[in-house]
Amino acid sequence: MLFLTVLWNVVLPVFLVAGLGVLLQRLIGVDVRALSQATFYVFSPCLAFATLYRLDLNGEGLGSAVMFAITMAILMALIGFAIAKFLRYTRSVTSATVLALINSNTGNYGLPLNQFAFGDAGLQIAILYYVMNATLANSVGVYVASSGRASVSRALKNVARAPLVYATFAALLTNAFRWPMPAPLLKAISLAGQAAVPVMLIILGVNLGRLGTQVHWKRTIPTTVAKLGIGPVLAWLISGWLGMTGLARAVAIVQASTPTAVMSTVLSTEFDCEPEYVAEVVFVTTMASIVTLTTVVALAKGYLL
């Protein structure tokens, strides 16, 4: 029953919207770069700000989320570099692999999944990990995506241009000091943020529509195994090492076990970092996660709660 419910309520809607992107690409063609720029510079920062501004933050929960997210990102990046060295990837493919491994779909996949599995309390904790992952994706992720073809200095300049990082810090400040936002401005930010998830799914579909019949399985399979096989095990070990327990640990593990984020396709498209390969990883990991995440959720509920 859990398997079918996750498939019906979480995975199927994701693929239906992405399928619209595939149709748009095949029937009329779509300027995917324009869509990725709108998401990168407007929709995603607005979503992060609106979410953090309303979130009830506490120091202990935020500290655990930060430590967990950073540790997971470092270890998954090291695994990505190891895979790339062993398989002799080019510089751009190496960057794309690391990007795919450190950027998890904790938003449009992880948030509803955690709400379904653990209720509203789980959702509130899950939002913390979404914001941390999104911040890392738009700082470290931007650097990784840029470094595939650009110099170090140019990659760092691209990080400085990432608006989500600034939106996150602005939201944390306004939240911490309880600064009121003018109602029209907050409504406008929230409205723009609501566009982020569907547009990201359209971008995923457009990139998948450009794949044709050739899929690079030799590159996609190792990344998928690392993401969905090694990732959950590391999450289990790291959360225990950090002393996390109960619901907080269960949500952290589930969020870290989600597939490669759709946002990865936005970053890879924006910075020309193997966007078709990244789209393949997003697609394959999302499909495979039907089985892996169902198992992770069942184990988390059975052993941690």
C-alpha atoms as a PDB file:
ATOM      1  CA  MET A   1       0.000   0.000   0.000  1.00  0.00           C
ATOM      2  CA  LEU A   2       2.840   2.421   0.879  1.00  0.00           C
ATOM      3  CA  PHE A   3       4.545   1.708  -2.451  1.00  0.00           C
ATOM      4  CA  LEU A   4       1.390   2.442  -4.469  1.00  0.00           C
ATOM      5  CA  THR A   5       0.529   5.561  -2.462  1.00  0.00           C
ATOM      6  CA  VAL A   6       3.999   7.078  -2.947  1.00  0.00           C
ATOM      7  CA  LEU A   7       3.842   6.226  -6.640  1.00  0.00           C
ATOM      8  CA  TRP A   8       0.374   7.735  -7.101  1.00  0.00           C
ATOM      9  CA  ASN A   9       0.630  10.845  -4.898  1.00  0.00           C
ATOM     10  CA  VAL A  10       4.269  11.856  -5.290  1.00  0.00           C
ATOM     11  CA  VAL A  11       6.061  10.313  -8.265  1.00  0.00           C
ATOM     12  CA  LEU A  12       3.299  10.281 -10.879  1.00  0.00           C
ATOM     13  CA  PRO A  13       2.490  14.029 -10.638  1.00  0.00           C
ATOM     14  CA  VAL A  14       6.200  14.796 -11.069  1.00  0.00           C
ATOM     15  CA  PHE A  15       6.387  12.802 -14.275  1.00  0.00           C
ATOM     16  CA  LEU A  16       3.118  14.141 -15.643  1.00  0.00           C
ATOM     17  CA  VAL A  17       4.387  17.730 -15.454  1.00  0.00           C
ATOM     18  CA  ALA A  18       7.821  16.745 -16.802  1.00  0.00           C
ATOM     19  CA  GLY A  19       5.999  14.965 -19.625  1.00  0.00           C
ATOM     20  CA  LEU A  20       4.517  18.300 -20.672  1.00  0.00           C
ATOM     21  CA  GLY A  21       8.064  19.566 -21.092  1.00  0.00           C
ATOM     22  CA  VAL A  22       8.911  16.599 -23.297  1.00  0.00           C
ATOM     23  CA  LEU A  23       5.851  17.319 -25.454  1.00  0.00           C
ATOM     24  CA  LEU A  24       6.707  21.004 -25.739  1.00  0.00           C
ATOM     25  CA  GLN A  25      10.233  20.167 -26.853  1.00  0.00           C
ATOM     26  CA  ARG A  26       9.153  17.546 -29.373  1.00  0.00           C
ATOM     27  CA  LEU A  27       6.219  19.549 -30.829  1.00  0.00           C
ATOM     28  CA  ILE A  28       7.299  23.192 -30.877  1.00  0.00           C
ATOM     29  CA  GLY A  29      10.769  23.449 -29.320  1.00  0.00           C
ATOM     30  CA  VAL A  30      11.441  25.469 -26.163  1.00  0.00           C
ATOM     31  CA  ASP A  31      14.144  27.968 -25.203  1.00  0.00           C
ATOM     32  CA  VAL A  32      15.230  26.024 -22.137  1.00  0.00           C
ATOM     33  CA  ARG A  33      17.952  28.539 -21.263  1.00  0.00           C
ATOM     34  CA  ALA A  34      15.373  31.300 -20.827  1.00  0.00           C
ATOM     35  CA  LEU A  35      13.353  29.054 -18.514  1.00  0.00           C
ATOM     36  CA  SER A  36      16.444  28.116 -16.487  1.00  0.00           C
ATOM     37  CA  GLN A  37      17.435  31.778 -16.099  1.00  0.00           C
ATOM     38  CA  ALA A  38      13.953  32.729 -14.880  1.00  0.00           C
ATOM     39  CA  THR A  39      14.103  29.895 -12.324  1.00  0.00           C
ATOM     40  CA  PHE A  40      17.675  30.589 -11.256  1.00  0.00           C
ATOM     41  CA  TYR A  41      17.322  34.339 -10.843  1.00  0.00           C
ATOM     42  CA  VAL A  42      13.661  34.749  -9.800  1.00  0.00           C
ATOM     43  CA  PHE A  43      11.492  31.730  -8.975  1.00  0.00           C
ATOM     44  CA  SER A  44      13.879  29.655  -6.835  1.00  0.00           C
ATOM     45  CA  PRO A  45      15.127  32.587  -4.672  1.00  0.00           C
ATOM     46  CA  CYS A  46      11.528  33.676  -4.087  1.00  0.00           C
ATOM     47  CA  LEU A  47      10.564  30.160  -3.010  1.00  0.00           C
ATOM     48  CA  ALA A  48      13.462  29.974  -0.532  1.00  0.00           C
ATOM     49  CA  PHE A  49      12.713  33.403   0.932  1.00  0.00           C
ATOM     50  CA  ALA A  50       8.980  32.794   1.303  1.00  0.00           C
ATOM     51  CA  THR A  51       9.590  29.407   2.953  1.00  0.00           C
ATOM     52  CA  LEU A  52      12.254  30.592   5.400  1.00  0.00           C
ATOM     53  CA  TYR A  53      10.438  33.789   6.292  1.00  0.00           C
ATOM     54  CA  ARG A  54       7.442  31.833   7.580  1.00  0.00           C
ATOM     55  CA  LEU A  55       9.386  28.955   9.141  1.00  0.00           C
ATOM     56  CA  ASP A  56       9.576  28.594  12.924  1.00  0.00           C
ATOM     57  CA  LEU A  57      13.338  28.193  13.357  1.00  0.00           C
ATOM     58  CA  ASN A  58      15.178  26.983  16.464  1.00  0.00           C
ATOM     59  CA  GLY A  59      18.929  26.961  16.979  1.00  0.00           C
ATOM     60  CA  GLU A  60      19.351  23.251  17.712  1.00  0.00           C
ATOM     61  CA  GLY A  61      17.319  22.071  14.731  1.00  0.00           C
ATOM     62  CA  LEU A  62      19.016  24.502  12.378  1.00  0.00           C
ATOM     63  CA  GLY A  63      22.475  23.501  13.628  1.00  0.00           C
ATOM     64  CA  SER A  64      21.807  19.804  13.069  1.00  0.00           C
ATOM     65  CA  ALA A  65      20.446  20.473   9.582  1.00  0.00           C
ATOM     66  CA  VAL A  66      23.516  22.539   8.666  1.00  0.00           C
ATOM     67  CA  MET A  67      26.008  19.945   9.940  1.00  0.00           C
ATOM     68  CA  PHE A  68      24.154  17.040   8.355  1.00  0.00           C
ATOM     69  CA  ALA A  69      23.741  18.755   4.973  1.00  0.00           C
ATOM     70  CA  ILE A  70      27.365  19.916   4.779  1.00  0.00           C
ATOM     71  CA  THR A  71      28.788  16.537   5.826  1.00  0.00           C
ATOM     72  CA  MET A  72      26.611  14.705   3.300  1.00  0.00           C
ATOM     73  CA  ALA A  73      27.604  17.127   0.543  1.00  0.00           C
ATOM     74  CA  ILE A  74      31.331  16.710   1.243  1.00  0.00           C
ATOM     75  CA  LEU A  75      31.192  12.916   1.302  1.00  0.00           C
ATOM     76  CA  MET A  76      29.008  12.645  -1.808  1.00  0.00           C
ATOM     77  CA  ALA A  77      31.327  15.046  -3.650  1.00  0.00           C
ATOM     78  CA  LEU A  78      34.318  12.878  -2.729  1.00  0.00           C
ATOM     79  CA  ILE A  79      32.470   9.823  -4.033  1.00  0.00           C
ATOM     80  CA  GLY A  80      31.758  11.691  -7.268  1.00  0.00           C
ATOM     81  CA  PHE A  81      35.432  12.584  -7.726  1.00  0.00           C
ATOM     82  CA  ALA A  82      36.393   8.960  -7.012  1.00  0.00           C
ATOM     83  CA  ILE A  83      33.970   7.678  -9.647  1.00  0.00           C
ATOM     84  CA  ALA A  84      35.240  10.231 -12.159  1.00  0.00           C
ATOM     85  CA  LYS A  85      38.885   9.343 -11.544  1.00  0.00           C
ATOM     86  CA  PHE A  86      38.250   5.602 -11.768  1.00  0.00           C
ATOM     87  CA  LEU A  87      36.241   5.918 -15.000  1.00  0.00           C
ATOM     88  CA  ARG A  88      38.507   8.654 -16.424  1.00  0.00           C
ATOM     89  CA  TYR A  89      35.828  11.258 -16.953  1.00  0.00           C
ATOM     90  CA  THR A  90      36.531  14.571 -18.623  1.00  0.00           C
ATOM     91  CA  ARG A  91      36.512  17.765 -16.564  1.00  0.00           C
ATOM     92  CA  SER A  92      32.965  18.696 -17.550  1.00  0.00           C
ATOM     93  CA  VAL A  93      31.570  15.200 -16.915  1.00  0.00           C
ATOM     94  CA  THR A  94      33.337  15.120 -13.545  1.00  0.00           C
ATOM     95  CA  SER A  95      31.690  18.403 -12.566  1.00  0.00           C
ATOM     96  CA  ALA A  96      28.294  17.137 -13.755  1.00  0.00           C
ATOM     97  CA  THR A  97      28.693  13.925 -11.720  1.00  0.00           C
ATOM     98  CA  VAL A  98      29.583  15.794  -8.518  1.00  0.00           C
ATOM     99  CA  LEU A  99      26.705  18.211  -9.120  1.00  0.00           C
ATOM    100  CA  ALA A 100      24.254  15.316  -9.523  1.00  0.00           C
ATOM    101  CA  LEU A 101      25.444  13.662  -6.306  1.00  0.00           C
ATOM    102  CA  ILE A 102      25.424  16.682  -3.988  1.00  0.00           C
ATOM    103  CA  ASN A 103      22.081  18.090  -5.131  1.00  0.00           C
ATOM    104  CA  SER A 104      19.100  16.093  -3.837  1.00  0.00           C
ATOM    105  CA  ASN A 105      15.441  16.592  -4.723  1.00  0.00           C
ATOM    106  CA  THR A 106      14.468  17.627  -1.201  1.00  0.00           C
ATOM    107  CA  GLY A 107      11.865  20.105  -2.480  1.00  0.00           C
ATOM    108  CA  ASN A 108       9.146  18.985  -4.857  1.00  0.00           C
ATOM    109  CA  TYR A 109       9.847  15.310  -4.071  1.00  0.00           C
ATOM    110  CA  GLY A 110      11.138  15.293  -0.490  1.00  0.00           C
ATOM    111  CA  LEU A 111       8.644  17.726   1.051  1.00  0.00           C
ATOM    112  CA  PRO A 112       5.432  15.940   0.019  1.00  0.00           C
ATOM    113  CA  LEU A 113       7.005  12.549   0.711  1.00  0.00           C
ATOM    114  CA  ASN A 114       7.933  13.522   4.271  1.00  0.00           C
ATOM    115  CA  GLN A 115       4.521  15.058   4.863  1.00  0.00           C
ATOM    116  CA  PHE A 116       2.860  11.871   3.707  1.00  0.00           C
ATOM    117  CA  ALA A 117       5.165   9.682   5.801  1.00  0.00           C
ATOM    118  CA  PHE A 118       5.522  11.760   8.978  1.00  0.00           C
ATOM    119  CA  GLY A 119       2.751  14.377   8.943  1.00  0.00           C
ATOM    120  CA  ASP A 120       3.040  18.150   9.374  1.00  0.00           C
ATOM    121  CA  ALA A 121       5.752  17.804  12.029  1.00  0.00           C
ATOM    122  CA  GLY A 122       7.891  15.910   9.523  1.00  0.00           C
ATOM    123  CA  LEU A 123       7.182  18.534   6.873  1.00  0.00           C
ATOM    124  CA  GLN A 124       8.480  21.363   9.070  1.00  0.00           C
ATOM    125  CA  ILE A 125      11.758  19.515   9.650  1.00  0.00           C
ATOM    126  CA  ALA A 126      11.978  18.580   5.981  1.00  0.00           C
ATOM    127  CA  ILE A 127      11.777  22.259   4.973  1.00  0.00           C
ATOM    128  CA  LEU A 128      14.997  22.925   6.901  1.00  0.00           C
ATOM    129  CA  TYR A 129      16.833  20.342   4.807  1.00  0.00           C
ATOM    130  CA  TYR A 130      15.287  21.665   1.617  1.00  0.00           C
ATOM    131  CA  VAL A 131      16.588  25.161   2.333  1.00  0.00           C
ATOM    132  CA  MET A 132      20.060  23.872   3.253  1.00  0.00           C
ATOM    133  CA  ASN A 133      20.254  21.735   0.124  1.00  0.00           C
ATOM    134  CA  ALA A 134      19.020  24.596  -2.053  1.00  0.00           C
ATOM    135  CA  THR A 135      21.594  26.940  -0.527  1.00  0.00           C
ATOM    136  CA  LEU A 136      24.406  24.466  -1.144  1.00  0.00           C
ATOM    137  CA  ALA A 137      23.162  23.885  -4.700  1.00  0.00           C
ATOM    138  CA  ASN A 138      23.218  27.605  -5.401  1.00  0.00           C
ATOM    139  CA  SER A 139      26.659  28.166  -3.913  1.00  0.00           C
ATOM    140  CA  VAL A 140      28.765  25.001  -4.069  1.00  0.00           C
ATOM    141  CA  GLY A 141      26.587  23.657  -6.894  1.00  0.00           C
ATOM    142  CA  VAL A 142      27.037  26.797  -8.970  1.00  0.00           C
ATOM    143  CA  TYR A 143      30.807  26.594  -8.470  1.00  0.00           C
ATOM    144  CA  VAL A 144      30.887  22.914  -9.473  1.00  0.00           C
ATOM    145  CA  ALA A 145      28.711  23.482 -12.548  1.00  0.00           C
ATOM    146  CA  SER A 146      30.741  26.510 -13.601  1.00  0.00           C
ATOM    147  CA  SER A 147      34.109  24.831 -13.061  1.00  0.00           C
ATOM    148  CA  GLY A 148      33.272  22.231 -15.694  1.00  0.00           C
ATOM    149  CA  ARG A 149      34.199  24.696 -18.424  1.00  0.00           C
ATOM    150  CA  ALA A 150      35.224  27.934 -16.696  1.00  0.00           C
ATOM    151  CA  SER A 151      38.285  29.019 -14.723  1.00  0.00           C
ATOM    152  CA  VAL A 152      38.306  29.053 -10.924  1.00  0.00           C
ATOM    153  CA  SER A 153      37.950  32.838 -10.789  1.00  0.00           C
ATOM    154  CA  ARG A 154      35.049  32.767 -13.227  1.00  0.00           C
ATOM    155  CA  ALA A 155      33.355  29.986 -11.247  1.00  0.00           C
ATOM    156  CA  LEU A 156      33.672  32.019  -8.047  1.00  0.00           C
ATOM    157  CA  LYS A 157      32.170  35.044  -9.801  1.00  0.00           C
ATOM    158  CA  ASN A 158      29.209  32.877 -10.820  1.00  0.00           C
ATOM    159  CA  VAL A 159      28.699  31.882  -7.172  1.00  0.00           C
ATOM    160  CA  ALA A 160      28.601  35.564  -6.233  1.00  0.00           C
ATOM    161  CA  ARG A 161      25.851  36.029  -8.831  1.00  0.00           C
ATOM    162  CA  ALA A 162      23.633  33.300  -7.329  1.00  0.00           C
ATOM    163  CA  PRO A 163      20.599  35.147  -5.910  1.00  0.00           C
ATOM    164  CA  LEU A 164      19.280  32.262  -3.798  1.00  0.00           C
ATOM    165  CA  VAL A 165      22.222  32.597  -1.408  1.00  0.00           C
ATOM    166  CA  TYR A 166      21.327  36.226  -0.760  1.00  0.00           C
ATOM    167  CA  ALA A 167      17.627  35.395  -0.509  1.00  0.00           C
ATOM    168  CA  THR A 168      18.413  32.757   2.134  1.00  0.00           C
ATOM    169  CA  PHE A 169      20.457  35.112   4.314  1.00  0.00           C
ATOM    170  CA  ALA A 170      17.861  37.874   3.939  1.00  0.00           C
ATOM    171  CA  ALA A 171      15.093  35.495   4.986  1.00  0.00           C
ATOM    172  CA  LEU A 172      17.100  34.245   7.987  1.00  0.00           C
ATOM    173  CA  LEU A 173      17.683  37.814   9.143  1.00  0.00           C
ATOM    174  CA  THR A 174      14.060  38.892   8.777  1.00  0.00           C
ATOM    175  CA  ASN A 175      12.936  35.698  10.497  1.00  0.00           C
ATOM    176  CA  ALA A 176      15.398  36.017  13.385  1.00  0.00           C
ATOM    177  CA  PHE A 177      14.615  39.662  14.114  1.00  0.00           C
ATOM    178  CA  ARG A 178      10.900  39.311  13.318  1.00  0.00           C
ATOM    179  CA  TRP A 179      11.049  42.144  10.804  1.00  0.00           C
ATOM    180  CA  PRO A 180       7.618  42.575   9.202  1.00  0.00           C
ATOM    181  CA  MET A 181       7.295  42.397   5.432  1.00  0.00           C
ATOM    182  CA  PRO A 182       4.825  44.627   3.553  1.00  0.00           C
ATOM    183  CA  ALA A 183       1.886  42.415   2.617  1.00  0.00           C
ATOM    184  CA  PRO A 184       1.946  43.201  -1.146  1.00  0.00           C
ATOM    185  CA  LEU A 185       5.690  42.436  -1.348  1.00  0.00           C
ATOM    186  CA  LEU A 186       5.386  39.165   0.570  1.00  0.00           C
ATOM    187  CA  LYS A 187       2.450  38.083  -1.594  1.00  0.00           C
ATOM    188  CA  ALA A 188       4.420  38.881  -4.754  1.00  0.00           C
ATOM    189  CA  ILE A 189       7.445  36.890  -3.521  1.00  0.00           C
ATOM    190  CA  SER A 190       5.240  33.949  -2.540  1.00  0.00           C
ATOM    191  CA  LEU A 191       3.466  34.009  -5.909  1.00  0.00           C
ATOM    192  CA  ALA A 192       6.755  33.973  -7.804  1.00  0.00           C
ATOM    193  CA  GLY A 193       8.051  31.174  -5.581  1.00  0.00           C
ATOM    194  CA  GLN A 194       5.063  28.995  -6.428  1.00  0.00           C
ATOM    195  CA  ALA A 195       6.252  28.945 -10.044  1.00  0.00           C
ATOM    196  CA  ALA A 196       9.616  27.372  -9.172  1.00  0.00           C
ATOM    197  CA  VAL A 197       8.660  23.696  -8.908  1.00  0.00           C
ATOM    198  CA  PRO A 198       6.476  23.392 -12.045  1.00  0.00           C
ATOM    199  CA  VAL A 199       8.955  25.363 -14.169  1.00  0.00           C
ATOM    200  CA  MET A 200      11.837  23.179 -12.946  1.00  0.00           C
ATOM    201  CA  LEU A 201       9.851  20.106 -13.954  1.00  0.00           C
ATOM    202  CA  ILE A 202       9.198  21.605 -17.387  1.00  0.00           C
ATOM    203  CA  ILE A 203      12.948  22.217 -17.751  1.00  0.00           C
ATOM    204  CA  LEU A 204      13.575  18.588 -16.816  1.00  0.00           C
ATOM    205  CA  GLY A 205      11.081  17.456 -19.459  1.00  0.00           C
ATOM    206  CA  VAL A 206      12.565  19.718 -22.133  1.00  0.00           C
ATOM    207  CA  ASN A 207      16.068  18.371 -21.448  1.00  0.00           C
ATOM    208  CA  LEU A 208      14.741  14.804 -21.542  1.00  0.00           C
ATOM    209  CA  GLY A 209      13.004  15.611 -24.829  1.00  0.00           C
ATOM    210  CA  ARG A 210      16.373  16.584 -26.273  1.00  0.00           C
ATOM    211  CA  LEU A 211      17.985  13.284 -25.345  1.00  0.00           C
ATOM    212  CA  GLY A 212      16.748  11.338 -28.323  1.00  0.00           C
ATOM    213  CA  THR A 213      17.299   7.592 -28.159  1.00  0.00           C
ATOM    214  CA  GLN A 214      20.856   7.610 -26.833  1.00  0.00           C
ATOM    215  CA  VAL A 215      21.297   7.324 -23.076  1.00  0.00           C
ATOM    216  CA  HIS A 216      24.796   7.159 -21.600  1.00  0.00           C
ATOM    217  CA  TRP A 217      24.175   4.200 -19.302  1.00  0.00           C
ATOM    218  CA  LYS A 218      27.881   3.702 -18.535  1.00  0.00           C
ATOM    219  CA  ARG A 219      27.922   7.130 -16.910  1.00  0.00           C
ATOM    220  CA  THR A 220      24.397   7.166 -15.528  1.00  0.00           C
ATOM    221  CA  ILE A 221      24.398   3.816 -13.695  1.00  0.00           C
ATOM    222  CA  PRO A 222      27.459   4.465 -11.446  1.00  0.00           C
ATOM    223  CA  THR A 223      26.049   7.872 -10.457  1.00  0.00           C
ATOM    224  CA  THR A 224      22.636   6.357  -9.756  1.00  0.00           C
ATOM    225  CA  VAL A 225      24.091   3.589  -7.591  1.00  0.00           C
ATOM    226  CA  ALA A 226      26.106   6.122  -5.602  1.00  0.00           C
ATOM    227  CA  LYS A 227      23.156   8.451  -5.185  1.00  0.00           C
ATOM    228  CA  LEU A 228      20.476   5.945  -4.202  1.00  0.00           C
ATOM    229  CA  GLY A 229      22.594   3.107  -2.795  1.00  0.00           C
ATOM    230  CA  ILE A 230      25.521   4.678  -0.964  1.00  0.00           C
ATOM    231  CA  GLY A 231      23.719   7.943  -0.093  1.00  0.00           C
ATOM    232  CA  PRO A 232      21.090   6.463   2.269  1.00  0.00           C
ATOM    233  CA  VAL A 233      23.725   4.379   4.085  1.00  0.00           C
ATOM    234  CA  LEU A 234      25.895   7.452   4.637  1.00  0.00           C
ATOM    235  CA  ALA A 235      22.845   9.406   5.830  1.00  0.00           C
ATOM    236  CA  TRP A 236      22.064   6.701   8.377  1.00  0.00           C
ATOM    237  CA  LEU A 237      25.649   6.706   9.690  1.00  0.00           C
ATOM    238  CA  ILE A 238      26.097  10.490   9.728  1.00  0.00           C
ATOM    239  CA  SER A 239      22.795  11.176  11.474  1.00  0.00           C
ATOM    240  CA  GLY A 240      23.739   8.674  14.177  1.00  0.00           C
ATOM    241  CA  TRP A 241      27.213  10.187  14.522  1.00  0.00           C
ATOM    242  CA  LEU A 242      25.633  13.634  15.000  1.00  0.00           C
ATOM    243  CA  GLY A 243      23.419  12.257  17.760  1.00  0.00           C
ATOM    244  CA  MET A 244      20.162  12.788  15.884  1.00  0.00           C
ATOM    245  CA  THR A 245      17.199  10.712  17.023  1.00  0.00           C
ATOM    246  CA  GLY A 246      13.542  10.067  16.343  1.00  0.00           C
ATOM    247  CA  LEU A 247      11.656  12.132  13.799  1.00  0.00           C
ATOM    248  CA  ALA A 248      14.547  14.514  13.111  1.00  0.00           C
ATOM    249  CA  ARG A 249      16.809  11.621  12.141  1.00  0.00           C
ATOM    250  CA  ALA A 250      14.128   9.880  10.082  1.00  0.00           C
ATOM    251  CA  VAL A 251      13.395  13.011   8.036  1.00  0.00           C
ATOM    252  CA  ALA A 252      17.096  13.743   7.524  1.00  0.00           C
ATOM    253  CA  ILE A 253      17.699  10.252   6.168  1.00  0.00           C
ATOM    254  CA  VAL A 254      14.691  10.395   3.835  1.00  0.00           C
ATOM    255  CA  GLN A 255      15.693  13.827   2.516  1.00  0.00           C
ATOM    256  CA  ALA A 256      19.257  12.661   1.862  1.00  0.00           C
ATOM    257  CA  SER A 257      17.911   9.594   0.048  1.00  0.00           C
ATOM    258  CA  THR A 258      15.890  11.539  -2.522  1.00  0.00           C
ATOM    259  CA  PRO A 259      16.996  11.413  -6.175  1.00  0.00           C
ATOM    260  CA  THR A 260      19.035  14.038  -7.981  1.00  0.00           C
ATOM    261  CA  ALA A 261      17.199  17.358  -7.922  1.00  0.00           C
ATOM    262  CA  VAL A 262      15.523  18.883 -10.944  1.00  0.00           C
ATOM    263  CA  MET A 263      17.442  22.041 -10.022  1.00  0.00           C
ATOM    264  CA  SER A 264      20.573  20.248 -11.230  1.00  0.00           C
ATOM    265  CA  THR A 265      19.243  20.476 -14.777  1.00  0.00           C
ATOM    266  CA  VAL A 266      18.733  24.213 -14.295  1.00  0.00           C
ATOM    267  CA  LEU A 267      22.328  24.694 -13.125  1.00  0.00           C
ATOM    268  CA  SER A 268      23.821  22.396 -15.765  1.00  0.00           C
ATOM    269  CA  THR A 269      21.857  24.204 -18.490  1.00  0.00           C
ATOM    270  CA  GLU A 270      22.708  27.678 -17.174  1.00  0.00           C
ATOM    271  CA  PHE A 271      26.449  26.923 -17.026  1.00  0.00           C
ATOM    272  CA  ASP A 272      26.685  24.438 -19.942  1.00  0.00           C
ATOM    273  CA  CYS A 273      27.774  21.525 -17.753  1.00  0.00           C
ATOM    274  CA  GLU A 274      26.645  18.374 -19.590  1.00  0.00           C
ATOM    275  CA  PRO A 275      22.891  19.199 -19.287  1.00  0.00           C
ATOM    276  CA  GLU A 276      21.714  16.103 -21.170  1.00  0.00           C
ATOM    277  CA  TYR A 277      23.773  13.776 -18.972  1.00  0.00           C
ATOM    278  CA  VAL A 278      22.470  15.487 -15.832  1.00  0.00           C
ATOM    279  CA  ALA A 279      18.899  15.182 -17.146  1.00  0.00           C
ATOM    280  CA  GLU A 280      19.490  11.453 -17.649  1.00  0.00           C
ATOM    281  CA  VAL A 281      20.677  11.092 -14.038  1.00  0.00           C
ATOM    282  CA  VAL A 282      17.657  13.019 -12.754  1.00  0.00           C
ATOM    283  CA  PHE A 283      15.307  10.813 -14.754  1.00  0.00           C
ATOM    284  CA  VAL A 284      16.930   7.477 -13.854  1.00  0.00           C
ATOM    285  CA  THR A 285      17.394   8.265 -10.154  1.00  0.00           C
ATOM    286  CA  THR A 286      13.804   9.493  -9.885  1.00  0.00           C
ATOM    287  CA  MET A 287      12.467   6.317 -11.475  1.00  0.00           C
ATOM    288  CA  ALA A 288      14.687   4.055  -9.365  1.00  0.00           C
ATOM    289  CA  SER A 289      13.768   5.960  -6.207  1.00  0.00           C
ATOM    290  CA  ILE A 290      10.267   4.510  -6.384  1.00  0.00           C
ATOM    291  CA  VAL A 291      11.801   1.351  -4.944  1.00  0.00           C
ATOM    292  CA  THR A 292      14.683   2.772  -2.909  1.00  0.00           C
ATOM    293  CA  LEU A 293      12.754   5.561  -1.153  1.00  0.00           C
ATOM    294  CA  THR A 294       9.847   3.292  -0.317  1.00  0.00           C
ATOM    295  CA  THR A 295      12.376   1.021   1.412  1.00  0.00           C
ATOM    296  CA  VAL A 296      14.059   3.930   3.219  1.00  0.00           C
ATOM    297  CA  VAL A 297      10.742   5.344   4.468  1.00  0.00           C
ATOM    298  CA  ALA A 298       9.632   1.925   5.704  1.00  0.00           C
ATOM    299  CA  LEU A 299      12.927   1.376   7.554  1.00  0.00           C
ATOM    300  CA  ALA A 300      12.865   4.885   9.042  1.00  0.00           C
ATOM    301  CA  LYS A 301       9.331   4.454  10.332  1.00  0.00           C
ATOM    302  CA  GLY A 302      10.030   0.958  11.615  1.00  0.00           C
ATOM    303  CA  TYR A 303      13.360   1.516  13.371  1.00  0.00           C
ATOM    304  CA  LEU A 304      13.454   5.206  14.310  1.00  0.00           C
ATOM    305  CA  LEU A 305       9.880   6.062  15.309  1.00  0.00           C
END
